[in-house]
C-alpha atoms as a PDB file:
ATOM      1  CA  MET A   1       0.074   0.058  -0.026  1.00  0.00           C
ATOM      2  CA  SER A   2       2.742   2.531   0.973  1.00  0.00           C
ATOM      3  CA  GLY A   3       0.504   4.924   2.665  1.00  0.00           C
ATOM      4  CA  GLY A   4      -1.600   7.577   1.096  1.00  0.00           C
ATOM      5  CA  TYR A   5      -4.038   8.127   3.908  1.00  0.00           C
ATOM      6  CA  PHE A   6      -3.190  11.853   4.067  1.00  0.00           C
ATOM      7  CA  ASP A   7      -2.682  12.058   0.176  1.00  0.00           C
ATOM      8  CA  TYR A   8       0.941  12.099   0.687  1.00  0.00           C
ATOM      9  CA  ASN A   9       0.746  15.660   2.088  1.00  0.00           C
ATOM     10  CA  GLN A  10       3.325  14.932   4.765  1.00  0.00           C
ATOM     11  CA  TYR A  11       5.926  15.540   1.826  1.00  0.00           C
ATOM     12  CA  ARG A  12       4.772  19.020   1.569  1.00  0.00           C
ATOM     13  CA  LEU A  13       6.166  19.507   5.132  1.00  0.00           C
ATOM     14  CA  ASP A  14       9.553  18.364   3.788  1.00  0.00           C
ATOM     15  CA  ASP A  15       9.268  21.005   0.932  1.00  0.00           C
ATOM     16  CA  ILE A  16       8.750  23.672   3.667  1.00  0.00           C
ATOM     17  CA  ALA A  17      11.732  22.565   5.594  1.00  0.00           C
ATOM     18  CA  VAL A  18      13.871  22.738   2.416  1.00  0.00           C
ATOM     19  CA  GLU A  19      12.642  26.251   1.810  1.00  0.00           C
ATOM     20  CA  ILE A  20      13.538  27.270   5.316  1.00  0.00           C
ATOM     21  CA  ASP A  21      16.976  25.723   4.808  1.00  0.00           C
ATOM     22  CA  ASP A  22      17.437  27.734   1.649  1.00  0.00           C
ATOM     23  CA  ILE A  23      16.664  30.922   3.539  1.00  0.00           C
ATOM     24  CA  ILE A  24      19.146  30.032   6.243  1.00  0.00           C
ATOM     25  CA  LYS A  25      21.780  29.085   3.563  1.00  0.00           C
ATOM     26  CA  ASN A  26      21.203  32.323   1.685  1.00  0.00           C
ATOM     27  CA  ASN A  27      20.868  34.634   4.723  1.00  0.00           C
ATOM     28  CA  ASP A  28      24.029  36.557   4.263  1.00  0.00           C
ATOM     29  CA  ASN A  29      24.076  36.419   0.352  1.00  0.00           C
ATOM     30  CA  LYS A  30      24.496  39.929  -0.938  1.00  0.00           C
ATOM     31  CA  GLU A  31      23.922  39.094  -4.698  1.00  0.00           C
ATOM     32  CA  LEU A  32      20.959  40.719  -6.332  1.00  0.00           C
ATOM     33  CA  ASP A  33      17.972  38.679  -7.363  1.00  0.00           C
ATOM     34  CA  GLU A  34      17.634  38.666 -11.139  1.00  0.00           C
ATOM     35  CA  VAL A  35      13.984  39.561 -11.154  1.00  0.00           C
ATOM     36  CA  PHE A  36      13.517  42.016  -8.390  1.00  0.00           C
ATOM     37  CA  LYS A  37      17.019  43.427  -8.236  1.00  0.00           C
ATOM     38  CA  GLU A  38      17.157  43.145  -4.410  1.00  0.00           C
ATOM     39  CA  PRO A  39      19.638  41.243  -2.194  1.00  0.00           C
ATOM     40  CA  ILE A  40      18.924  37.564  -2.092  1.00  0.00           C
ATOM     41  CA  GLY A  41      19.777  37.310   1.608  1.00  0.00           C
ATOM     42  CA  ARG A  42      17.550  38.564   4.284  1.00  0.00           C
ATOM     43  CA  HIS A  43      20.351  39.302   6.796  1.00  0.00           C
ATOM     44  CA  TYR A  44      18.404  38.034   9.951  1.00  0.00           C
ATOM     45  CA  PRO A  45      20.472  38.041  13.120  1.00  0.00           C
ATOM     46  CA  LYS A  46      21.895  34.807  14.465  1.00  0.00           C
ATOM     47  CA  GLU A  47      18.986  34.508  17.006  1.00  0.00           C
ATOM     48  CA  ILE A  48      16.369  34.317  14.310  1.00  0.00           C
ATOM     49  CA  ILE A  49      18.488  31.961  12.179  1.00  0.00           C
ATOM     50  CA  ASP A  50      18.723  29.631  15.029  1.00  0.00           C
ATOM     51  CA  LEU A  51      14.972  29.595  15.334  1.00  0.00           C
ATOM     52  CA  PHE A  52      14.597  29.002  11.740  1.00  0.00           C
ATOM     53  CA  LYS A  53      16.971  25.904  12.216  1.00  0.00           C
ATOM     54  CA  GLU A  54      14.750  24.780  15.054  1.00  0.00           C
ATOM     55  CA  THR A  55      11.657  25.262  12.861  1.00  0.00           C
ATOM     56  CA  ALA A  56      13.006  23.202  10.005  1.00  0.00           C
ATOM     57  CA  HIS A  57      14.018  20.442  12.366  1.00  0.00           C
ATOM     58  CA  THR A  58      10.453  20.438  14.069  1.00  0.00           C
ATOM     59  CA  VAL A  59       8.785  20.353  10.609  1.00  0.00           C
ATOM     60  CA  ARG A  60      10.891  17.352   9.578  1.00  0.00           C
ATOM     61  CA  GLN A  61       9.946  15.671  12.883  1.00  0.00           C
ATOM     62  CA  ALA A  62       6.105  16.466  12.246  1.00  0.00           C
ATOM     63  CA  ARG A  63       6.588  14.975   8.717  1.00  0.00           C
ATOM     64  CA  ASP A  64       7.970  11.776  10.242  1.00  0.00           C
ATOM     65  CA  MET A  65       5.140  11.627  12.678  1.00  0.00           C
ATOM     66  CA  VAL A  66       2.596  11.952  10.029  1.00  0.00           C
ATOM     67  CA  GLN A  67       4.421   9.332   7.978  1.00  0.00           C
ATOM     68  CA  ARG A  68       4.248   6.748  10.790  1.00  0.00           C
ATOM     69  CA  VAL A  69       0.537   7.418  11.386  1.00  0.00           C
ATOM     70  CA  ASP A  70      -0.194   7.256   7.671  1.00  0.00           C
ATOM     71  CA  TRP A  71       1.450   3.839   7.509  1.00  0.00           C
ATOM     72  CA  LEU A  72      -0.434   2.504  10.477  1.00  0.00           C
ATOM     73  CA  LEU A  73      -3.770   3.910   9.110  1.00  0.00           C
ATOM     74  CA  CYS A  74      -3.128   2.248   5.592  1.00  0.00           C
ATOM     75  CA  GLY A  75      -2.127  -0.982   7.089  1.00  0.00           C
ATOM     76  CA  ASP A  76       1.515  -0.920   5.954  1.00  0.00           C
ATOM     77  CA  ASP A  77       2.569  -1.119   9.611  1.00  0.00           C
ATOM     78  CA  GLY A  78       0.944  -3.012  12.495  1.00  0.00           C
ATOM     79  CA  GLU A  79       0.813  -1.614  16.029  1.00  0.00           C
ATOM     80  CA  GLU A  80       3.979  -3.075  17.003  1.00  0.00           C
ATOM     81  CA  SER A  81       6.031  -1.950  14.044  1.00  0.00           C
ATOM     82  CA  PHE A  82       4.292   1.512  14.405  1.00  0.00           C
ATOM     83  CA  LEU A  83       5.513   1.771  17.984  1.00  0.00           C
ATOM     84  CA  SER A  84       8.974   0.426  17.102  1.00  0.00           C
ATOM     85  CA  ARG A  85       9.400   2.764  14.105  1.00  0.00           C
ATOM     86  CA  TRP A  86       8.041   5.654  16.134  1.00  0.00           C
ATOM     87  CA  LYS A  87      10.896   5.087  18.739  1.00  0.00           C
ATOM     88  CA  GLU A  88      13.493   4.708  16.146  1.00  0.00           C
ATOM     89  CA  GLU A  89      12.450   7.463  13.696  1.00  0.00           C
ATOM     90  CA  VAL A  90      10.498  10.028  15.607  1.00  0.00           C
ATOM     91  CA  ARG A  91      11.723  10.002  19.271  1.00  0.00           C
ATOM     92  CA  PRO A  92      15.505  10.239  18.775  1.00  0.00           C
ATOM     93  CA  TYR A  93      15.457  13.827  17.592  1.00  0.00           C
ATOM     94  CA  TRP A  94      18.540  14.890  19.431  1.00  0.00           C
ATOM     95  CA  LYS A  95      20.214  13.359  16.348  1.00  0.00           C
ATOM     96  CA  ASP A  96      19.973  15.448  13.126  1.00  0.00           C
ATOM     97  CA  LYS A  97      17.813  13.639  10.620  1.00  0.00           C
ATOM     98  CA  THR A  98      18.200  16.092   7.709  1.00  0.00           C
END
């Protein structure tokens, strides 16, 4: 079955996290945007960038949570494998999963 209960919308969460990563990566970029002729970077202070990093991390964790629930609801995982995968894939978020 491979999921689908949520119409695979959990992958939109990953797209959002990637967009946040791009903002972080380009924060100090002084090159001009080709269309708007304004600097690409937003030049946010470190405190805000740190919160963006936390946000991208949390969004990815939410994606993984939704994925696990999706697979349980679609019958791809049983209750035991759901609990096991939750512990392996969702809980250990002190490790960077990006």
